[in-house]
C-alpha cells in the first residue's frame, strides 16, 4: 500500500504518513488503532510485531560473539 493510499484511508496527508514511517513523528494509541484498521490488521497484532522486533534489537549479543572480540 502506498503512503498516499494509507493517508486517504486515515483521512490525513501523505506527509503525515511519511513522517510516522520515518520515525519523525510518533503516534498515540488512538492513531495506532486507526493505522491498524486502515491496514486491515488487528491493532494488537501490529503492536505485537513491533514489540517482537524491539526485543530482538535489545537482546544482548551471544557469548560466542563477545569471545571472538577478545
N, C-alpha and C. Protein backbone atom coordinates (compact mmCIF):
# COMPACT_ATOMS: atom_id res chain seq x y z
N UNK A 1 0.85 -1.17 0.00
CA UNK A 1 0.00 0.00 0.00
C UNK A 1 0.90 1.24 0.00
N UNK A 2 0.56 2.20 -0.81
CA UNK A 2 1.36 3.42 -0.88
C UNK A 2 1.02 4.35 0.29
N UNK A 3 1.91 5.29 0.53
CA UNK A 3 1.66 6.29 1.57
C UNK A 3 0.42 7.10 1.24
N UNK A 4 0.22 7.39 -0.01
CA UNK A 4 -0.95 8.17 -0.43
C UNK A 4 -2.23 7.39 -0.13
N UNK A 5 -2.23 6.10 -0.45
CA UNK A 5 -3.40 5.26 -0.18
C UNK A 5 -3.69 5.20 1.32
N UNK A 6 -2.64 4.99 2.11
CA UNK A 6 -2.81 4.92 3.56
C UNK A 6 -3.31 6.25 4.10
N UNK A 7 -2.74 7.33 3.63
CA UNK A 7 -3.16 8.67 4.07
C UNK A 7 -4.64 8.89 3.78
N UNK A 8 -5.09 8.48 2.60
CA UNK A 8 -6.52 8.62 2.25
C UNK A 8 -7.39 7.83 3.20
N UNK A 9 -6.98 6.61 3.52
CA UNK A 9 -7.75 5.78 4.45
C UNK A 9 -7.79 6.39 5.85
N UNK A 10 -6.69 7.06 6.23
CA UNK A 10 -6.61 7.68 7.55
C UNK A 10 -7.30 9.05 7.59
N UNK A 11 -7.55 9.61 6.41
CA UNK A 11 -8.10 10.97 6.36
C UNK A 11 -7.04 11.98 6.74
N UNK A 12 -5.81 11.70 6.33
CA UNK A 12 -4.69 12.56 6.67
C UNK A 12 -3.85 12.76 5.42
N UNK A 13 -2.67 13.34 5.57
CA UNK A 13 -1.83 13.64 4.42
C UNK A 13 -0.73 12.59 4.23
N UNK A 14 -0.20 12.54 3.03
CA UNK A 14 0.94 11.65 2.74
C UNK A 14 2.13 12.07 3.57
N UNK A 15 2.30 13.36 3.82
CA UNK A 15 3.41 13.86 4.64
C UNK A 15 3.33 13.30 6.05
N UNK A 16 2.13 13.26 6.62
CA UNK A 16 1.92 12.71 7.95
C UNK A 16 2.36 11.24 7.99
N UNK A 17 1.92 10.47 7.01
CA UNK A 17 2.27 9.05 6.96
C UNK A 17 3.78 8.89 6.80
N UNK A 18 4.38 9.69 5.95
CA UNK A 18 5.82 9.62 5.73
C UNK A 18 6.60 9.91 7.01
N UNK A 19 6.20 10.93 7.73
CA UNK A 19 6.89 11.27 8.98
C UNK A 19 6.75 10.16 10.02
N UNK A 20 5.58 9.54 10.08
CA UNK A 20 5.37 8.43 11.00
C UNK A 20 6.25 7.25 10.61
N UNK A 21 6.31 6.97 9.33
CA UNK A 21 7.09 5.84 8.83
C UNK A 21 8.58 6.04 9.11
N UNK A 22 9.06 7.25 8.97
CA UNK A 22 10.49 7.54 9.20
C UNK A 22 10.82 7.74 10.68
N UNK A 23 9.81 7.77 11.53
CA UNK A 23 10.05 7.96 12.96
C UNK A 23 10.22 9.40 13.36
N UNK A 24 9.89 10.31 12.47
CA UNK A 24 9.98 11.74 12.79
C UNK A 24 8.79 12.20 13.62
N UNK A 25 7.72 11.43 13.55
CA UNK A 25 6.52 11.73 14.33
C UNK A 25 6.04 10.45 14.98
N UNK A 26 5.85 10.50 16.26
CA UNK A 26 5.33 9.33 16.98
C UNK A 26 3.81 9.41 17.01
N UNK A 27 3.19 8.25 17.06
CA UNK A 27 1.73 8.22 17.08
C UNK A 27 1.25 7.80 18.47
N UNK A 28 0.05 8.24 18.81
CA UNK A 28 -0.53 7.86 20.10
C UNK A 28 -1.36 6.59 19.92
N UNK A 29 -1.95 6.12 21.00
CA UNK A 29 -2.70 4.86 20.98
C UNK A 29 -3.89 4.91 20.02
N UNK A 30 -4.57 6.02 19.98
CA UNK A 30 -5.72 6.15 19.09
C UNK A 30 -5.27 6.07 17.63
N UNK A 31 -4.17 6.75 17.33
CA UNK A 31 -3.64 6.71 15.96
C UNK A 31 -3.14 5.32 15.60
N UNK A 32 -2.58 4.59 16.56
CA UNK A 32 -2.13 3.22 16.32
C UNK A 32 -3.32 2.37 15.87
N UNK A 33 -4.43 2.51 16.57
CA UNK A 33 -5.63 1.75 16.21
C UNK A 33 -6.10 2.16 14.82
N UNK A 34 -6.08 3.44 14.52
CA UNK A 34 -6.50 3.92 13.20
C UNK A 34 -5.59 3.39 12.09
N UNK A 35 -4.27 3.38 12.34
CA UNK A 35 -3.33 2.83 11.36
C UNK A 35 -3.64 1.35 11.13
N UNK A 36 -3.81 0.60 12.21
CA UNK A 36 -4.08 -0.83 12.09
C UNK A 36 -5.35 -1.08 11.29
N UNK A 37 -6.41 -0.35 11.61
CA UNK A 37 -7.67 -0.52 10.88
C UNK A 37 -7.50 -0.18 9.41
N UNK A 38 -6.75 0.89 9.12
CA UNK A 38 -6.53 1.29 7.73
C UNK A 38 -5.73 0.24 6.97
N UNK A 39 -4.85 -0.46 7.69
CA UNK A 39 -4.04 -1.51 7.07
C UNK A 39 -4.74 -2.87 7.06
N UNK A 40 -5.87 -2.96 7.77
CA UNK A 40 -6.62 -4.21 7.80
C UNK A 40 -6.00 -5.27 8.69
N UNK A 41 -5.30 -4.83 9.74
CA UNK A 41 -4.70 -5.78 10.68
C UNK A 41 -5.20 -5.47 12.09
N UNK A 42 -5.21 -6.47 12.97
CA UNK A 42 -5.63 -6.22 14.35
C UNK A 42 -4.62 -5.30 15.05
N UNK A 43 -5.08 -4.30 15.78
CA UNK A 43 -4.16 -3.39 16.48
C UNK A 43 -3.17 -4.12 17.39
N UNK A 44 -3.63 -5.15 18.11
CA UNK A 44 -2.72 -5.88 18.98
C UNK A 44 -1.68 -6.65 18.18
N UNK A 45 -2.05 -7.10 17.00
CA UNK A 45 -1.10 -7.78 16.12
C UNK A 45 -0.01 -6.84 15.66
N UNK A 46 -0.40 -5.62 15.32
CA UNK A 46 0.56 -4.62 14.88
C UNK A 46 1.50 -4.25 16.03
N UNK A 47 0.96 -4.06 17.20
CA UNK A 47 1.77 -3.73 18.37
C UNK A 47 2.68 -4.90 18.74
N UNK A 48 2.14 -6.11 18.68
CA UNK A 48 2.93 -7.30 19.00
C UNK A 48 4.13 -7.45 18.07
N UNK A 49 3.92 -7.19 16.78
CA UNK A 49 5.01 -7.29 15.80
C UNK A 49 6.11 -6.27 16.14
N UNK A 50 5.70 -5.06 16.47
CA UNK A 50 6.67 -4.03 16.85
C UNK A 50 7.46 -4.44 18.10
N UNK A 51 6.75 -4.96 19.10
CA UNK A 51 7.42 -5.36 20.35
C UNK A 51 8.39 -6.51 20.12
N UNK A 52 8.06 -7.44 19.25
CA UNK A 52 8.97 -8.54 18.92
C UNK A 52 10.24 -8.01 18.26
N UNK A 53 10.09 -7.09 17.32
CA UNK A 53 11.26 -6.52 16.64
C UNK A 53 12.11 -5.73 17.63
N UNK A 54 11.47 -5.01 18.51
CA UNK A 54 12.20 -4.22 19.50
C UNK A 54 12.98 -5.13 20.46
N UNK A 55 12.35 -6.22 20.90
CA UNK A 55 13.01 -7.15 21.81
C UNK A 55 14.23 -7.78 21.14
N UNK A 56 14.10 -8.11 19.86
CA UNK A 56 15.22 -8.71 19.13
C UNK A 56 16.41 -7.74 19.06
N UNK A 57 16.13 -6.46 18.90
CA UNK A 57 17.21 -5.46 18.85
C UNK A 57 17.87 -5.27 20.20
N UNK A 58 17.11 -5.44 21.27
CA UNK A 58 17.61 -5.18 22.61
C UNK A 58 18.32 -6.38 23.24
N UNK A 59 18.20 -7.57 22.63
CA UNK A 59 18.83 -8.75 23.20
C UNK A 59 20.34 -8.61 23.16
N UNK A 60 21.02 -8.99 24.26
CA UNK A 60 22.48 -8.91 24.25
C UNK A 60 23.07 -9.91 23.27
N UNK A 61 24.25 -9.58 22.77
CA UNK A 61 24.95 -10.47 21.84
C UNK A 61 25.31 -11.76 22.57
N UNK A 62 25.43 -12.84 21.83
CA UNK A 62 25.78 -14.12 22.44
C UNK A 62 27.21 -14.10 22.94
N UNK A 63 27.54 -14.99 23.86
CA UNK A 63 28.89 -15.06 24.43
C UNK A 63 29.92 -15.40 23.37
N UNK A 64 29.55 -16.20 22.38
CA UNK A 64 30.49 -16.55 21.31
C UNK A 64 30.95 -15.31 20.57
N UNK A 65 30.02 -14.40 20.30
CA UNK A 65 30.37 -13.17 19.59
C UNK A 65 31.34 -12.33 20.39
N UNK A 66 31.09 -12.18 21.70
CA UNK A 66 31.97 -11.36 22.51
C UNK A 66 33.31 -12.05 22.75
N UNK A 67 33.33 -13.39 22.76
CA UNK A 67 34.59 -14.11 22.97
C UNK A 67 35.51 -13.93 21.76
N UNK A 68 34.94 -13.83 20.57
CA UNK A 68 35.75 -13.65 19.36
C UNK A 68 36.43 -12.28 19.35
N UNK A 69 35.83 -11.31 19.99
CA UNK A 69 36.39 -9.96 20.00
C UNK A 69 37.60 -9.84 20.90
N UNK A 70 37.77 -10.72 21.87
CA UNK A 70 38.86 -10.62 22.84
C UNK A 70 40.19 -10.94 22.29
